[in-house]
Each structure stands twice: as C-alpha cells, then as structure tokens.
C-alpha atoms as a PDB file:
ATOM      1  CA  MET A   1     -14.766  -7.470  -0.631  1.00  0.00           C
ATOM      2  CA  TRP A   2     -16.316 -10.132   1.565  1.00  0.00           C
ATOM      3  CA  VAL A   3     -19.772 -10.687   3.066  1.00  0.00           C
ATOM      4  CA  GLU A   4     -20.117 -10.755   6.847  1.00  0.00           C
ATOM      5  CA  HIS A   5     -21.983 -13.682   8.470  1.00  0.00           C
ATOM      6  CA  SER A   6     -22.864 -15.408   5.172  1.00  0.00           C
ATOM      7  CA  PRO A   7     -21.017 -17.343   2.465  1.00  0.00           C
ATOM      8  CA  GLN A   8     -22.596 -15.176  -0.287  1.00  0.00           C
ATOM      9  CA  LEU A   9     -24.936 -12.297  -1.025  1.00  0.00           C
ATOM     10  CA  ASP A  10     -27.622 -13.205  -3.539  1.00  0.00           C
ATOM     11  CA  PRO A  11     -28.786 -10.739  -6.237  1.00  0.00           C
ATOM     12  CA  GLY A  12     -31.250  -8.258  -4.740  1.00  0.00           C
ATOM     13  CA  ALA A  13     -30.319  -9.214  -1.168  1.00  0.00           C
ATOM     14  CA  GLN A  14     -28.933  -6.887   1.491  1.00  0.00           C
ATOM     15  CA  GLY A  15     -26.102  -7.574   3.888  1.00  0.00           C
ATOM     16  CA  THR A  16     -22.983  -6.262   5.548  1.00  0.00           C
ATOM     17  CA  VAL A  17     -19.803  -6.427   3.501  1.00  0.00           C
ATOM     18  CA  ARG A  18     -16.236  -5.285   4.093  1.00  0.00           C
ATOM     19  CA  LEU A  19     -14.135  -3.636   1.425  1.00  0.00           C
ATOM     20  CA  ALA A  20     -10.348  -3.790   1.433  1.00  0.00           C
ATOM     21  CA  PRO A  21      -9.077  -1.379  -1.229  1.00  0.00           C
ATOM     22  CA  LEU A  22      -5.998  -2.318  -3.228  1.00  0.00           C
ATOM     23  CA  ALA A  23      -4.976   1.346  -3.277  1.00  0.00           C
ATOM     24  CA  PRO A  24      -6.058   2.888   0.087  1.00  0.00           C
ATOM     25  CA  PHE A  25      -4.862   6.395  -0.873  1.00  0.00           C
ATOM     26  CA  GLY A  26      -7.786   6.660  -3.296  1.00  0.00           C
ATOM     27  CA  TRP A  27     -10.270   5.980  -0.493  1.00  0.00           C
ATOM     28  CA  ARG A  28      -9.146   8.617   2.035  1.00  0.00           C
ATOM     29  CA  SER A  29     -12.170  10.839   1.424  1.00  0.00           C
ATOM     30  CA  LEU A  30     -14.712   8.170   2.463  1.00  0.00           C
ATOM     31  CA  GLN A  31     -16.812   9.082   5.500  1.00  0.00           C
ATOM     32  CA  PRO A  32     -19.542   7.208   7.427  1.00  0.00           C
ATOM     33  CA  GLY A  33     -22.970   7.901   5.931  1.00  0.00           C
ATOM     34  CA  GLN A  34     -21.614   8.330   2.409  1.00  0.00           C
ATOM     35  CA  SER A  35     -23.207   6.292  -0.408  1.00  0.00           C
ATOM     36  CA  ILE A  36     -20.965   4.444  -2.869  1.00  0.00           C
ATOM     37  CA  THR A  37     -21.462   2.558  -6.118  1.00  0.00           C
ATOM     38  CA  ILE A  38     -19.845  -0.876  -6.386  1.00  0.00           C
ATOM     39  CA  HIS A  39     -18.467  -2.002  -9.746  1.00  0.00           C
ATOM     40  CA  GLU A  40     -17.095  -5.310 -10.964  1.00  0.00           C
ATOM     41  CA  GLY A  41     -15.223  -4.046 -13.977  1.00  0.00           C
ATOM     42  CA  THR A  42     -17.518  -1.723 -15.919  1.00  0.00           C
ATOM     43  CA  PRO A  43     -20.990  -2.865 -14.784  1.00  0.00           C
ATOM     44  CA  VAL A  44     -22.484  -1.586 -11.540  1.00  0.00           C
ATOM     45  CA  VAL A  45     -23.104  -4.556  -9.236  1.00  0.00           C
ATOM     46  CA  GLY A  46     -24.397  -2.785  -6.148  1.00  0.00           C
ATOM     47  CA  THR A  47     -24.618   0.244  -3.939  1.00  0.00           C
ATOM     48  CA  GLY A  48     -23.618   0.704  -0.342  1.00  0.00           C
ATOM     49  CA  THR A  49     -23.520   3.093   2.575  1.00  0.00           C
ATOM     50  CA  ILE A  50     -20.267   3.554   4.482  1.00  0.00           C
ATOM     51  CA  VAL A  51     -20.796   2.753   8.176  1.00  0.00           C
ATOM     52  CA  GLU A  52     -17.170   2.719   9.346  1.00  0.00           C
ATOM     53  CA  VAL A  53     -13.756   3.666   8.003  1.00  0.00           C
ATOM     54  CA  VAL A  54     -10.645   2.024   9.476  1.00  0.00           C
ATOM     55  CA  ALA A  55      -7.233   3.326   8.470  1.00  0.00           C
ATOM     56  CA  PRO A  56      -4.708   0.778   7.180  1.00  0.00           C
ATOM     57  CA  VAL A  57      -1.949  -0.297   9.541  1.00  0.00           C
END
C-alpha cells in the first residue's frame, strides 16, 4: 500500500492510496464502489472505498 501525492497519511486523515495485493487471486471479487476494511495484522487501521480495479499483468 502506498499513499498518492503525499509521503504519509496521518491518523484520521483522508487520501488516495493504492493497494498491491500479494495474492491477487483473493481480490478478484473487488468492484468499484465497494467498501473495504484495512488491517495491519489483527487491528483495523482504516477503511476505504474501491474506485478502480486493475488486473495484474
């Protein structure tokens, strides 16, 4: 995961991030408009809305 147009995303802030899954097959059901929960290990660290899905090359 990386933040677009900023070196970091502070707690409580909003921004655009990109996710690159380690196992893309588990992400095939994602669709634009879908909400997701973001975890870092067990704790929830954020939520997001899918705006675009790009298939791996």
